[in-house]
Amino acid sequence: MAVIPVIKVGDVVELKKTHPCGSKSFKVLRTGADIKLSCLGCERILTLERIKAEKMIKKISSCEG
């Protein structure tokens, strides 16, 4: 059984593929059935289905600490 990642607003996530601007890091703006991400390179906003986003995430850096 797969482990479901815990994604919170404010977390910085690294995706497996790069964004067209060259950045792989995104900040989580909203969670729910969809996840809204902001690119840290060009500040473009993406909205992805949660299941698709969970498959694309490589690493989660917590906003705490």
PDB file of N, CA and C in Angstrom:
ATOM      1  N   MET A   1       0.838  -1.177   0.000  1.00  0.00           N
ATOM      2  CA  MET A   1       0.000   0.000   0.000  1.00  0.00           C
ATOM      3  C   MET A   1       0.888   1.247   0.000  1.00  0.00           C
ATOM      4  N   ALA A   2       0.529   2.224  -0.803  1.00  0.00           N
ATOM      5  CA  ALA A   2       1.325   3.446  -0.943  1.00  0.00           C
ATOM      6  C   ALA A   2       1.091   4.382   0.243  1.00  0.00           C
ATOM      7  N   VAL A   3       2.133   5.099   0.599  1.00  0.00           N
ATOM      8  CA  VAL A   3       2.038   6.088   1.674  1.00  0.00           C
ATOM      9  C   VAL A   3       1.539   7.396   1.077  1.00  0.00           C
ATOM     10  N   ILE A   4       0.500   7.967   1.688  1.00  0.00           N
ATOM     11  CA  ILE A   4      -0.061   9.220   1.202  1.00  0.00           C
ATOM     12  C   ILE A   4       0.734  10.374   1.807  1.00  0.00           C
ATOM     13  N   PRO A   5       1.340  11.241   0.969  1.00  0.00           N
ATOM     14  CA  PRO A   5       2.122  12.348   1.515  1.00  0.00           C
ATOM     15  C   PRO A   5       1.220  13.400   2.161  1.00  0.00           C
ATOM     16  N   VAL A   6       1.708  14.012   3.237  1.00  0.00           N
ATOM     17  CA  VAL A   6       0.971  15.070   3.912  1.00  0.00           C
ATOM     18  C   VAL A   6       1.457  16.395   3.333  1.00  0.00           C
ATOM     19  N   ILE A   7       0.572  17.066   2.623  1.00  0.00           N
ATOM     20  CA  ILE A   7       0.903  18.334   1.977  1.00  0.00           C
ATOM     21  C   ILE A   7       0.095  19.427   2.656  1.00  0.00           C
ATOM     22  N   LYS A   8       0.806  20.456   3.158  1.00  0.00           N
ATOM     23  CA  LYS A   8       0.150  21.565   3.854  1.00  0.00           C
ATOM     24  C   LYS A   8       0.415  22.865   3.113  1.00  0.00           C
ATOM     25  N   VAL A   9      -0.463  23.837   3.321  1.00  0.00           N
ATOM     26  CA  VAL A   9      -0.277  25.161   2.734  1.00  0.00           C
ATOM     27  C   VAL A   9       1.016  25.765   3.274  1.00  0.00           C
ATOM     28  N   GLY A  10       1.827  26.321   2.395  1.00  0.00           N
ATOM     29  CA  GLY A  10       3.094  26.926   2.776  1.00  0.00           C
ATOM     30  C   GLY A  10       4.296  26.022   2.558  1.00  0.00           C
ATOM     31  N   ASP A  11       4.063  24.727   2.363  1.00  0.00           N
ATOM     32  CA  ASP A  11       5.175  23.803   2.092  1.00  0.00           C
ATOM     33  C   ASP A  11       5.795  24.107   0.728  1.00  0.00           C
ATOM     34  N   VAL A  12       7.070  23.801   0.603  1.00  0.00           N
ATOM     35  CA  VAL A  12       7.758  23.908  -0.683  1.00  0.00           C
ATOM     36  C   VAL A  12       7.989  22.487  -1.171  1.00  0.00           C
ATOM     37  N   VAL A  13       7.511  22.202  -2.381  1.00  0.00           N
ATOM     38  CA  VAL A  13       7.642  20.859  -2.944  1.00  0.00           C
ATOM     39  C   VAL A  13       8.553  20.901  -4.163  1.00  0.00           C
ATOM     40  N   GLU A  14       9.261  19.791  -4.369  1.00  0.00           N
ATOM     41  CA  GLU A  14      10.104  19.642  -5.556  1.00  0.00           C
ATOM     42  C   GLU A  14       9.456  18.589  -6.431  1.00  0.00           C
ATOM     43  N   LEU A  15       9.204  18.935  -7.701  1.00  0.00           N
ATOM     44  CA  LEU A  15       8.573  18.009  -8.625  1.00  0.00           C
ATOM     45  C   LEU A  15       9.624  17.229  -9.407  1.00  0.00           C
ATOM     46  N   LYS A  16       9.212  16.113  -9.986  1.00  0.00           N
ATOM     47  CA  LYS A  16      10.124  15.267 -10.753  1.00  0.00           C
ATOM     48  C   LYS A  16      10.553  15.946 -12.056  1.00  0.00           C
ATOM     49  N   LYS A  17       9.643  16.661 -12.701  1.00  0.00           N
ATOM     50  CA  LYS A  17       9.948  17.343 -13.964  1.00  0.00           C
ATOM     51  C   LYS A  17      10.132  18.838 -13.705  1.00  0.00           C
ATOM     52  N   THR A  18      10.907  19.472 -14.561  1.00  0.00           N
ATOM     53  CA  THR A  18      11.109  20.909 -14.419  1.00  0.00           C
ATOM     54  C   THR A  18       9.990  21.686 -15.096  1.00  0.00           C
ATOM     55  N   HIS A  19       9.727  22.870 -14.581  1.00  0.00           N
ATOM     56  CA  HIS A  19       8.787  23.809 -15.178  1.00  0.00           C
ATOM     57  C   HIS A  19       9.478  24.425 -16.401  1.00  0.00           C
ATOM     58  N   PRO A  20       8.770  24.910 -17.399  1.00  0.00           N
ATOM     59  CA  PRO A  20       9.426  25.511 -18.567  1.00  0.00           C
ATOM     60  C   PRO A  20      10.433  26.622 -18.236  1.00  0.00           C
ATOM     61  N   CYS A  21      10.290  27.273 -17.086  1.00  0.00           N
ATOM     62  CA  CYS A  21      11.238  28.322 -16.703  1.00  0.00           C
ATOM     63  C   CYS A  21      12.546  27.731 -16.174  1.00  0.00           C
ATOM     64  N   GLY A  22      12.569  26.415 -15.882  1.00  0.00           N
ATOM     65  CA  GLY A  22      13.783  25.752 -15.400  1.00  0.00           C
ATOM     66  C   GLY A  22      13.758  25.399 -13.926  1.00  0.00           C
ATOM     67  N   SER A  23      12.755  25.856 -13.192  1.00  0.00           N
ATOM     68  CA  SER A  23      12.672  25.596 -11.753  1.00  0.00           C
ATOM     69  C   SER A  23      11.928  24.293 -11.475  1.00  0.00           C
ATOM     70  N   LYS A  24      12.303  23.621 -10.393  1.00  0.00           N
ATOM     71  CA  LYS A  24      11.601  22.407  -9.953  1.00  0.00           C
ATOM     72  C   LYS A  24      10.859  22.644  -8.639  1.00  0.00           C
ATOM     73  N   SER A  25      11.040  23.812  -8.025  1.00  0.00           N
ATOM     74  CA  SER A  25      10.467  24.097  -6.705  1.00  0.00           C
ATOM     75  C   SER A  25       9.187  24.903  -6.819  1.00  0.00           C
ATOM     76  N   PHE A  26       8.194  24.487  -6.040  1.00  0.00           N
ATOM     77  CA  PHE A  26       6.897  25.146  -6.032  1.00  0.00           C
ATOM     78  C   PHE A  26       6.419  25.312  -4.590  1.00  0.00           C
ATOM     79  N   LYS A  27       5.697  26.389  -4.321  1.00  0.00           N
ATOM     80  CA  LYS A  27       5.115  26.627  -2.999  1.00  0.00           C
ATOM     81  C   LYS A  27       3.633  26.265  -3.062  1.00  0.00           C
ATOM     82  N   VAL A  28       3.143  25.557  -2.038  1.00  0.00           N
ATOM     83  CA  VAL A  28       1.746  25.134  -1.984  1.00  0.00           C
ATOM     84  C   VAL A  28       0.898  26.307  -1.497  1.00  0.00           C
ATOM     85  N   LEU A  29      -0.085  26.719  -2.313  1.00  0.00           N
ATOM     86  CA  LEU A  29      -0.966  27.827  -1.962  1.00  0.00           C
ATOM     87  C   LEU A  29      -2.303  27.350  -1.412  1.00  0.00           C
ATOM     88  N   ARG A  30      -2.771  26.190  -1.899  1.00  0.00           N
ATOM     89  CA  ARG A  30      -4.083  25.672  -1.481  1.00  0.00           C
ATOM     90  C   ARG A  30      -4.084  24.164  -1.629  1.00  0.00           C
ATOM     91  N   THR A  31      -4.771  23.485  -0.714  1.00  0.00           N
ATOM     92  CA  THR A  31      -4.907  22.030  -0.796  1.00  0.00           C
ATOM     93  C   THR A  31      -6.378  21.663  -0.746  1.00  0.00           C
ATOM     94  N   GLY A  32      -6.659  20.452  -1.127  1.00  0.00           N
ATOM     95  CA  GLY A  32      -8.032  19.943  -1.165  1.00  0.00           C
ATOM     96  C   GLY A  32      -8.088  18.885  -2.250  1.00  0.00           C
ATOM     97  N   ALA A  33      -9.190  18.833  -2.999  1.00  0.00           N
ATOM     98  CA  ALA A  33      -9.287  17.903  -4.115  1.00  0.00           C
ATOM     99  C   ALA A  33      -8.295  18.295  -5.209  1.00  0.00           C
ATOM    100  N   ASP A  34      -8.041  19.595  -5.318  1.00  0.00           N
ATOM    101  CA  ASP A  34      -7.021  20.126  -6.212  1.00  0.00           C
ATOM    102  C   ASP A  34      -5.932  20.766  -5.369  1.00  0.00           C
ATOM    103  N   ILE A  35      -4.731  20.862  -5.914  1.00  0.00           N
ATOM    104  CA  ILE A  35      -3.621  21.517  -5.224  1.00  0.00           C
ATOM    105  C   ILE A  35      -3.165  22.678  -6.092  1.00  0.00           C
ATOM    106  N   LYS A  36      -3.100  23.868  -5.485  1.00  0.00           N
ATOM    107  CA  LYS A  36      -2.642  25.053  -6.201  1.00  0.00           C
ATOM    108  C   LYS A  36      -1.198  25.315  -5.820  1.00  0.00           C
ATOM    109  N   LEU A  37      -0.331  25.393  -6.834  1.00  0.00           N
ATOM    110  CA  LEU A  37       1.099  25.584  -6.637  1.00  0.00           C
ATOM    111  C   LEU A  37       1.557  26.867  -7.309  1.00  0.00           C
ATOM    112  N   SER A  38       2.551  27.520  -6.701  1.00  0.00           N
ATOM    113  CA  SER A  38       3.170  28.695  -7.287  1.00  0.00           C
ATOM    114  C   SER A  38       4.628  28.379  -7.571  1.00  0.00           C
ATOM    115  N   CYS A  39       5.068  28.577  -8.816  1.00  0.00           N
ATOM    116  CA  CYS A  39       6.447  28.310  -9.200  1.00  0.00           C
ATOM    117  C   CYS A  39       7.359  29.322  -8.510  1.00  0.00           C
ATOM    118  N   LEU A  40       8.437  28.855  -7.898  1.00  0.00           N
ATOM    119  CA  LEU A  40       9.362  29.755  -7.217  1.00  0.00           C
ATOM    120  C   LEU A  40      10.318  30.422  -8.199  1.00  0.00           C
ATOM    121  N   GLY A  41      10.357  29.977  -9.454  1.00  0.00           N
ATOM    122  CA  GLY A  41      11.219  30.585 -10.460  1.00  0.00           C
ATOM    123  C   GLY A  41      10.554  31.768 -11.146  1.00  0.00           C
ATOM    124  N   CYS A  42       9.335  31.550 -11.661  1.00  0.00           N
ATOM    125  CA  CYS A  42       8.657  32.594 -12.442  1.00  0.00           C
ATOM    126  C   CYS A  42       7.352  33.075 -11.802  1.00  0.00           C
ATOM    127  N   GLU A  43       6.964  32.483 -10.671  1.00  0.00           N
ATOM    128  CA  GLU A  43       5.762  32.841  -9.904  1.00  0.00           C
ATOM    129  C   GLU A  43       4.451  32.563 -10.638  1.00  0.00           C
ATOM    130  N   ARG A  44       4.489  31.693 -11.642  1.00  0.00           N
ATOM    131  CA  ARG A  44       3.255  31.290 -12.311  1.00  0.00           C
ATOM    132  C   ARG A  44       2.495  30.338 -11.395  1.00  0.00           C
ATOM    133  N   ILE A  45       1.168  30.364 -11.459  1.00  0.00           N
ATOM    134  CA  ILE A  45       0.336  29.540 -10.583  1.00  0.00           C
ATOM    135  C   ILE A  45      -0.247  28.374 -11.382  1.00  0.00           C
ATOM    136  N   LEU A  46      -0.121  27.163 -10.818  1.00  0.00           N
ATOM    137  CA  LEU A  46      -0.650  25.944 -11.424  1.00  0.00           C
ATOM    138  C   LEU A  46      -1.702  25.341 -10.505  1.00  0.00           C
ATOM    139  N   THR A  47      -2.729  24.766 -11.082  1.00  0.00           N
ATOM    140  CA  THR A  47      -3.710  24.015 -10.315  1.00  0.00           C
ATOM    141  C   THR A  47      -3.738  22.597 -10.881  1.00  0.00           C
ATOM    142  N   LEU A  48      -3.450  21.616 -10.013  1.00  0.00           N
ATOM    143  CA  LEU A  48      -3.396  20.223 -10.425  1.00  0.00           C
ATOM    144  C   LEU A  48      -4.350  19.392  -9.583  1.00  0.00           C
ATOM    145  N   GLU A  49      -4.855  18.307 -10.167  1.00  0.00           N
ATOM    146  CA  GLU A  49      -5.640  17.350  -9.386  1.00  0.00           C
ATOM    147  C   GLU A  49      -4.722  16.755  -8.328  1.00  0.00           C
ATOM    148  N   ARG A  50      -5.251  16.501  -7.146  1.00  0.00           N
ATOM    149  CA  ARG A  50      -4.434  16.024  -6.031  1.00  0.00           C
ATOM    150  C   ARG A  50      -3.706  14.717  -6.373  1.00  0.00           C
ATOM    151  N   ILE A  51      -4.392  13.775  -6.986  1.00  0.00           N
ATOM    152  CA  ILE A  51      -3.785  12.481  -7.304  1.00  0.00           C
ATOM    153  C   ILE A  51      -2.617  12.660  -8.273  1.00  0.00           C
ATOM    154  N   LYS A  52      -2.799  13.497  -9.291  1.00  0.00           N
ATOM    155  CA  LYS A  52      -1.739  13.752 -10.264  1.00  0.00           C
ATOM    156  C   LYS A  52      -0.556  14.464  -9.597  1.00  0.00           C
ATOM    157  N   ALA A  53      -0.847  15.441  -8.739  1.00  0.00           N
ATOM    158  CA  ALA A  53       0.209  16.189  -8.050  1.00  0.00           C
ATOM    159  C   ALA A  53       1.008  15.279  -7.118  1.00  0.00           C
ATOM    160  N   GLU A  54       0.342  14.373  -6.398  1.00  0.00           N
ATOM    161  CA  GLU A  54       1.039  13.463  -5.480  1.00  0.00           C
ATOM    162  C   GLU A  54       2.012  12.558  -6.227  1.00  0.00           C
ATOM    163  N   LYS A  55       1.671  12.170  -7.451  1.00  0.00           N
ATOM    164  CA  LYS A  55       2.564  11.331  -8.255  1.00  0.00           C
ATOM    165  C   LYS A  55       3.765  12.126  -8.764  1.00  0.00           C
ATOM    166  N   MET A  56       3.586  13.440  -8.966  1.00  0.00           N
ATOM    167  CA  MET A  56       4.642  14.288  -9.517  1.00  0.00           C
ATOM    168  C   MET A  56       5.638  14.776  -8.457  1.00  0.00           C
ATOM    169  N   ILE A  57       5.244  14.738  -7.179  1.00  0.00           N
ATOM    170  CA  ILE A  57       6.088  15.285  -6.111  1.00  0.00           C
ATOM    171  C   ILE A  57       7.245  14.341  -5.788  1.00  0.00           C
ATOM    172  N   LYS A  58       8.446  14.897  -5.759  1.00  0.00           N
ATOM    173  CA  LYS A  58       9.647  14.144  -5.440  1.00  0.00           C
ATOM    174  C   LYS A  58      10.035  14.339  -3.977  1.00  0.00           C
ATOM    175  N   LYS A  59       9.919  15.587  -3.469  1.00  0.00           N
ATOM    176  CA  LYS A  59      10.339  15.901  -2.112  1.00  0.00           C
ATOM    177  C   LYS A  59       9.467  17.018  -1.549  1.00  0.00           C
ATOM    178  N   ILE A  60       9.157  16.936  -0.242  1.00  0.00           N
ATOM    179  CA  ILE A  60       8.377  17.972   0.437  1.00  0.00           C
ATOM    180  C   ILE A  60       9.243  18.595   1.526  1.00  0.00           C
ATOM    181  N   SER A  61       9.392  19.920   1.473  1.00  0.00           N
ATOM    182  CA  SER A  61      10.104  20.644   2.535  1.00  0.00           C
ATOM    183  C   SER A  61       9.053  21.377   3.351  1.00  0.00           C
ATOM    184  N   SER A  62       8.971  21.037   4.634  1.00  0.00           N
ATOM    185  CA  SER A  62       7.956  21.615   5.502  1.00  0.00           C
ATOM    186  C   SER A  62       8.218  23.090   5.745  1.00  0.00           C
ATOM    187  N   CYS A  63       7.122  23.841   5.923  1.00  0.00           N
ATOM    188  CA  CYS A  63       7.248  25.279   6.171  1.00  0.00           C
ATOM    189  C   CYS A  63       7.644  25.541   7.624  1.00  0.00           C
ATOM    190  N   GLU A  64       7.519  24.552   8.509  1.00  0.00           N
ATOM    191  CA  GLU A  64       7.853  24.724   9.913  1.00  0.00           C
ATOM    192  C   GLU A  64       9.354  24.619  10.119  1.00  0.00           C
ATOM    193  N   GLY A  65       9.847  25.401  11.048  1.00  0.00           N
ATOM    194  CA  GLY A  65      11.232  25.242  11.437  1.00  0.00           C
ATOM    195  C   GLY A  65      12.115  26.167  10.735  1.00  0.00           C
TER     196      GLY A  65
END
